């Protein structure tokens, strides 16, 4: 009697067939396990995609509820590395005011510069370290002893917007978008940083130029954007360690008097701490002294704690 290609006893044949059935069953189970693994993998990928998109969708819905549709995010002009790991390093560097000043000089010289062009605000050792990092990330290239930007970067403004949006997300868990533009809105222009969390819409206007270059028109445009967006809390942030009270606070006081007339007293500009000012409980003016991230956090804390329950 032939069994599995050989001549064996009936008992041996039955044992061989039993083994074959077991092997076949195990193979079917393995295929089923493989199918389930593939399904779970697809589900995990879909869940990751949903979680990644959820903050952006939450922000988009918050804007739509305000009647703002057709938003576009224009990230051109920013000096931001591509990889997440490099962005983490870049974020940590940008927390230092000296690095932000260094980047301004890099952008200012743009097409042609040497190390000595970058020593206005930091030491030679720090500038050399910063420059080597930019070279490794290919944000700057070197040829014949001179350096140049690899991308088209007209100003530090877009990079500052990226950084402040990252501050909201990394430090305070507030999903944010930067350089947001809408179709057909009064006044036009772009909204530097918009965030949304706990049902609260946060808007931050960023300025990278010194206070002497900020005029009444820019303050007026900022308040116009507040009228359009209607955020719960807004910040006017100037990345400088120069005083804000000498000029910027006065520009806001003048514009509020122009808009509110006799009722302007209800919206006084008041100094909170250092060069951080408040206008009511939901509008703040701040610079970077002693720390940009800390000043933003101070303003957000005052708003969120002030809007919660407390005894009068």
Protein backbone atom coordinates (compact mmCIF):
# COMPACT_ATOMS: atom_id res chain seq x y z
CA UNK A 1 0.00 0.00 0.00
CA UNK A 2 1.47 3.30 -1.08
CA UNK A 3 1.37 6.18 1.40
CA UNK A 4 2.91 9.56 0.70
CA UNK A 5 5.06 8.17 -2.07
CA UNK A 6 6.18 5.03 -0.22
CA UNK A 7 4.89 1.61 0.75
CA UNK A 8 3.77 1.57 4.35
CA UNK A 9 1.31 -0.13 6.63
CA UNK A 10 -2.26 1.21 6.98
CA UNK A 11 -1.41 2.60 10.43
CA UNK A 12 1.52 4.56 9.10
CA UNK A 13 -0.65 5.98 6.31
CA UNK A 14 -3.26 7.14 8.77
CA UNK A 15 -0.58 8.83 10.86
CA UNK A 16 0.87 10.56 7.81
CA UNK A 17 -2.55 11.82 6.74
CA UNK A 18 -3.17 13.11 10.25
CA UNK A 19 0.13 14.99 10.17
CA UNK A 20 -0.77 16.44 6.76
CA UNK A 21 -4.11 17.66 8.09
CA UNK A 22 -2.39 19.28 11.05
CA UNK A 23 0.17 20.97 8.80
CA UNK A 24 -2.59 22.18 6.49
CA UNK A 25 -4.58 23.52 9.45
CA UNK A 26 -1.56 25.32 10.86
CA UNK A 27 -0.89 26.85 7.44
CA UNK A 28 -4.47 28.11 7.22
CA UNK A 29 -4.24 29.58 10.70
CA UNK A 30 -0.96 31.30 9.85
CA UNK A 31 -2.57 32.81 6.74
CA UNK A 32 -5.50 33.99 8.87
CA UNK A 33 -3.11 35.53 11.40
CA UNK A 34 -1.24 37.23 8.55
CA UNK A 35 -4.52 38.59 7.20
CA UNK A 36 -5.50 39.94 10.62
CA UNK A 37 -2.06 41.52 11.07
CA UNK A 38 -2.44 43.27 7.72
CA UNK A 39 -5.91 44.53 8.74
CA UNK A 40 -4.60 45.79 12.10
CA UNK A 41 -1.66 47.46 10.38
CA UNK A 42 -4.05 49.26 8.02
CA UNK A 43 -6.23 50.29 10.98
CA UNK A 44 -3.22 51.66 12.89
CA UNK A 45 -2.08 53.64 9.84
CA UNK A 46 -5.57 55.06 9.41
CA UNK A 47 -5.73 55.94 13.13
CA UNK A 48 -2.34 57.66 12.97
CA UNK A 49 -3.50 59.63 9.97
CA UNK A 50 -6.70 60.60 11.76
CA UNK A 51 -4.80 61.67 14.89
CA UNK A 52 -2.32 63.66 12.80
CA UNK A 53 -5.14 65.40 10.94
CA UNK A 54 -7.34 65.98 14.00
CA UNK A 55 -5.62 69.16 15.24
CA UNK A 56 -5.74 70.72 11.78
CA UNK A 57 -9.41 69.75 11.43
CA UNK A 58 -10.21 71.20 14.86
CA UNK A 59 -8.58 74.47 13.86
CA UNK A 60 -10.32 74.46 10.46
CA UNK A 61 -13.70 73.92 12.14
CA UNK A 62 -13.04 76.72 14.64
CA UNK A 63 -12.30 79.07 11.74
CA UNK A 64 -15.34 77.91 9.79
CA UNK A 65 -17.57 78.62 12.78
CA UNK A 66 -16.27 82.18 12.53
CA UNK A 67 -17.32 82.34 8.89
CA UNK A 68 -13.74 82.09 7.63
CA UNK A 69 -13.39 79.59 4.81
CA UNK A 70 -11.01 79.04 1.94
CA UNK A 71 -7.99 79.31 4.20
CA UNK A 72 -4.57 78.73 2.69
CA UNK A 73 -1.35 78.09 4.55
CA UNK A 74 1.62 79.69 2.79
CA UNK A 75 4.87 78.36 4.21
CA UNK A 76 7.11 79.94 1.61
CA UNK A 77 9.97 82.09 2.81
CA UNK A 78 10.61 80.21 6.04
CA UNK A 79 14.10 79.01 6.91
CA UNK A 80 13.00 75.65 8.34
CA UNK A 81 14.77 72.28 7.92
CA UNK A 82 12.80 69.42 6.40
CA UNK A 83 13.30 66.48 8.77
CA UNK A 84 11.47 66.23 12.12
CA UNK A 85 14.75 65.51 13.94
CA UNK A 86 16.37 68.63 12.47
CA UNK A 87 13.27 70.67 13.28
CA UNK A 88 13.55 69.59 16.91
CA UNK A 89 17.17 70.78 17.01
CA UNK A 90 16.21 73.98 15.18
CA UNK A 91 13.44 74.65 17.69
CA UNK A 92 15.84 74.28 20.62
CA UNK A 93 18.30 76.68 18.96
CA UNK A 94 15.57 79.23 18.26
CA UNK A 95 14.72 79.37 21.94
CA UNK A 96 17.97 81.35 22.30
CA UNK A 97 17.66 85.04 21.48
CA UNK A 98 21.29 85.10 20.30
CA UNK A 99 20.55 82.45 17.67
CA UNK A 100 17.54 84.37 16.41
CA UNK A 101 19.70 87.50 16.08
CA UNK A 102 22.36 85.40 14.34
CA UNK A 103 19.79 84.15 11.81
CA UNK A 104 18.71 87.71 11.08
CA UNK A 105 22.29 88.52 10.07
CA UNK A 106 22.53 85.36 7.94
CA UNK A 107 19.34 86.35 6.13
CA UNK A 108 20.46 89.97 5.84
CA UNK A 109 23.69 89.02 4.05
CA UNK A 110 21.97 86.18 2.19
CA UNK A 111 23.90 85.67 -1.01
CA UNK A 112 27.45 86.30 0.18
CA UNK A 113 28.93 86.43 3.67
CA UNK A 114 31.76 85.22 5.91
CA UNK A 115 31.88 84.37 9.60
CA UNK A 116 32.98 87.86 10.64
CA UNK A 117 29.74 89.28 9.17
CA UNK A 118 27.80 87.38 11.84
CA UNK A 119 29.47 88.60 15.02
CA UNK A 120 27.31 91.60 15.93
CA UNK A 121 25.32 89.76 18.58
CA UNK A 122 27.25 86.59 19.41
CA UNK A 123 30.79 85.42 19.96
CA UNK A 124 32.98 83.95 17.25
CA UNK A 125 32.74 80.50 18.85
CA UNK A 126 28.93 80.61 18.99
CA UNK A 127 28.64 81.94 15.44
CA UNK A 128 30.96 79.20 14.18
CA UNK A 129 28.86 76.54 15.96
CA UNK A 130 25.60 77.96 14.61
CA UNK A 131 27.00 78.22 11.09
CA UNK A 132 28.25 74.63 11.12
CA UNK A 133 24.76 73.49 12.11
CA UNK A 134 23.21 75.40 9.20
CA UNK A 135 25.76 73.80 6.86
CA UNK A 136 24.92 70.30 8.10
CA UNK A 137 21.23 70.94 7.48
CA UNK A 138 22.00 72.40 4.02
CA UNK A 139 20.26 75.66 4.89
CA UNK A 140 23.55 77.34 4.00
CA UNK A 141 26.19 76.33 1.46
CA UNK A 142 29.89 77.14 1.28
CA UNK A 143 32.07 77.88 -1.71
CA UNK A 144 35.60 79.30 -1.79
CA UNK A 145 35.49 80.32 1.86
CA UNK A 146 32.22 82.23 1.56
CA UNK A 147 28.69 81.25 2.50
CA UNK A 148 25.24 81.76 1.04
CA UNK A 149 21.65 80.80 1.80
CA UNK A 150 20.43 77.80 -0.17
CA UNK A 151 16.80 78.94 -0.29
CA UNK A 152 14.93 82.16 -0.98
CA UNK A 153 14.48 83.83 2.40
CA UNK A 154 13.63 87.52 2.30
CA UNK A 155 13.19 88.08 6.04
CA UNK A 156 13.22 86.36 9.41
CA UNK A 157 9.45 86.88 9.74
CA UNK A 158 8.18 83.50 8.40
CA UNK A 159 10.75 81.58 10.45
CA UNK A 160 9.64 83.45 13.58
CA UNK A 161 6.03 82.56 12.79
CA UNK A 162 6.99 78.87 12.51
CA UNK A 163 8.79 79.06 15.84
CA UNK A 164 5.89 80.72 17.68
CA UNK A 165 3.44 78.15 16.23
CA UNK A 166 5.79 75.42 17.50
CA UNK A 167 5.88 77.11 20.92
CA UNK A 168 2.09 76.85 21.13
CA UNK A 169 2.14 73.20 20.13
CA UNK A 170 5.22 71.94 21.98
CA UNK A 171 5.02 73.98 25.18
CA UNK A 172 1.27 74.40 25.67
CA UNK A 173 -0.37 71.65 23.61
CA UNK A 174 -2.26 74.11 21.41
CA UNK A 175 -2.55 72.94 17.77
CA UNK A 176 -1.50 75.87 15.61
CA UNK A 177 -0.99 76.96 12.01
CA UNK A 178 1.25 79.76 10.77
CA UNK A 179 1.02 82.20 7.89
CA UNK A 180 -2.69 81.56 7.29
CA UNK A 181 -4.50 83.46 4.57
CA UNK A 182 -8.20 83.70 3.78
CA UNK A 183 -10.11 84.60 0.66
CA UNK A 184 -12.17 87.77 0.51
CA UNK A 185 -11.70 89.16 4.00
CA UNK A 186 -11.74 92.85 4.92
CA UNK A 187 -8.26 94.28 5.13
CA UNK A 188 -6.59 91.27 3.52
CA UNK A 189 -3.20 90.19 4.77
CA UNK A 190 -2.11 87.03 6.48
CA UNK A 191 -2.64 85.80 10.02
CA UNK A 192 0.74 84.96 11.52
CA UNK A 193 -0.16 82.25 14.07
CA UNK A 194 -3.61 80.83 14.89
CA UNK A 195 -4.17 78.14 17.52
CA UNK A 196 -7.19 76.43 19.01
CA UNK A 197 -7.53 74.44 22.25
CA UNK A 198 -10.18 73.99 24.98
CA UNK A 199 -12.60 75.77 22.66
CA UNK A 200 -10.37 78.85 22.76
CA UNK A 201 -9.05 80.51 19.62
CA UNK A 202 -5.61 82.08 20.07
CA UNK A 203 -4.11 84.57 17.64
CA UNK A 204 -0.53 85.81 17.75
CA UNK A 205 0.88 88.57 15.58
CA UNK A 206 4.67 88.34 15.37
CA UNK A 207 7.07 91.17 14.59
CA UNK A 208 10.77 90.60 14.02
CA UNK A 209 11.79 94.20 13.36
CA UNK A 210 12.76 96.60 16.20
CA UNK A 211 10.03 98.82 17.72
CA UNK A 212 11.22 101.88 15.79
CA UNK A 213 10.13 100.16 12.55
CA UNK A 214 6.61 99.42 13.80
CA UNK A 215 4.10 102.14 13.03
CA UNK A 216 0.46 102.99 13.64
CA UNK A 217 -0.57 101.32 10.38
CA UNK A 218 0.69 97.94 11.56
CA UNK A 219 -1.15 98.26 14.88
CA UNK A 220 -4.29 99.29 13.01
CA UNK A 221 -3.99 96.26 10.67
CA UNK A 222 -3.54 93.96 13.67
CA UNK A 223 -6.72 95.23 15.31
CA UNK A 224 -8.53 94.90 11.98
CA UNK A 225 -7.52 91.24 11.85
CA UNK A 226 -8.87 90.78 15.37
CA UNK A 227 -12.20 92.14 14.19
CA UNK A 228 -12.18 89.59 11.37
CA UNK A 229 -10.99 86.55 13.31
CA UNK A 230 -12.64 87.32 16.68
CA UNK A 231 -10.21 85.21 18.75
CA UNK A 232 -10.72 84.67 22.47
CA UNK A 233 -7.19 85.85 23.25
CA UNK A 234 -4.63 87.70 21.13
CA UNK A 235 -0.95 88.56 21.51
CA UNK A 236 1.13 91.19 19.73
CA UNK A 237 4.66 89.80 20.10
CA UNK A 238 7.77 91.74 19.11
CA UNK A 239 10.93 89.61 19.10
CA UNK A 240 13.14 92.23 20.68
CA UNK A 241 14.61 92.94 24.09
CA UNK A 242 14.12 96.67 23.62
CA UNK A 243 11.42 98.48 25.61
CA UNK A 244 7.82 98.26 24.43
CA UNK A 245 6.39 100.98 26.66
CA UNK A 246 8.25 103.80 24.92
CA UNK A 247 6.46 103.38 21.59
CA UNK A 248 4.39 100.23 21.01
CA UNK A 249 2.16 100.60 24.06
CA UNK A 250 1.54 104.22 23.05
CA UNK A 251 0.57 103.22 19.51
CA UNK A 252 -2.04 100.84 20.90
CA UNK A 253 -3.39 103.47 23.31
CA UNK A 254 -3.71 106.00 20.48
CA UNK A 255 -5.46 103.55 18.15
CA UNK A 256 -7.90 102.45 20.85
CA UNK A 257 -8.78 106.09 21.56
CA UNK A 258 -9.35 106.63 17.85
CA UNK A 259 -11.64 103.60 17.61
CA UNK A 260 -13.46 103.78 20.94
CA UNK A 261 -13.62 107.49 21.66
CA UNK A 262 -14.98 108.19 25.15
CA UNK A 263 -15.20 104.50 26.00
CA UNK A 264 -11.46 103.94 25.44
CA UNK A 265 -10.95 104.03 29.21
CA UNK A 266 -12.44 100.54 29.40
CA UNK A 267 -9.55 99.28 27.30
CA UNK A 268 -6.51 100.78 28.95
CA UNK A 269 -2.97 99.62 28.24
CA UNK A 270 -1.57 98.38 31.55
CA UNK A 271 1.88 97.05 32.36
CA UNK A 272 1.80 93.53 33.79
CA UNK A 273 5.43 92.67 34.30
CA UNK A 274 8.60 93.99 32.68
CA UNK A 275 7.74 94.75 29.06
CA UNK A 276 4.51 92.71 29.00
CA UNK A 277 1.29 94.74 28.78
CA UNK A 278 -2.38 93.86 28.81
CA UNK A 279 -5.42 95.53 27.33
CA UNK A 280 -8.33 94.10 29.25
CA UNK A 281 -8.08 90.38 30.00
CA UNK A 282 -7.72 89.04 26.47
CA UNK A 283 -5.24 91.23 24.56
CA UNK A 284 -1.52 91.33 25.33
CA UNK A 285 1.64 93.06 24.10
CA UNK A 286 4.99 91.41 24.79
CA UNK A 287 8.63 91.42 23.80
CA UNK A 288 11.36 88.75 24.26
CA UNK A 289 12.89 90.04 27.49
CA UNK A 290 13.90 87.96 29.36
CA UNK A 291 12.50 85.06 27.31
CA UNK A 292 10.08 84.90 24.39
CA UNK A 293 8.61 81.52 25.33
CA UNK A 294 8.19 82.59 28.95
CA UNK A 295 6.44 85.83 28.02
CA UNK A 296 4.00 84.00 25.72
CA UNK A 297 3.30 81.55 28.53
CA UNK A 298 2.74 84.40 30.98
CA UNK A 299 0.09 85.94 28.71
CA UNK A 300 -1.67 82.61 28.08
CA UNK A 301 -1.66 81.76 31.78
CA UNK A 302 -3.24 85.09 32.68
CA UNK A 303 -5.98 84.56 30.11
CA UNK A 304 -6.80 80.92 30.93
CA UNK A 305 -6.68 81.43 34.70
CA UNK A 306 -8.60 84.69 34.44
CA UNK A 307 -11.37 83.12 32.35
CA UNK A 308 -11.85 80.24 34.82
CA UNK A 309 -13.94 80.21 37.98
CA UNK A 310 -12.71 82.43 40.78
CA UNK A 311 -14.12 84.46 43.64
CA UNK A 312 -14.42 88.16 42.79
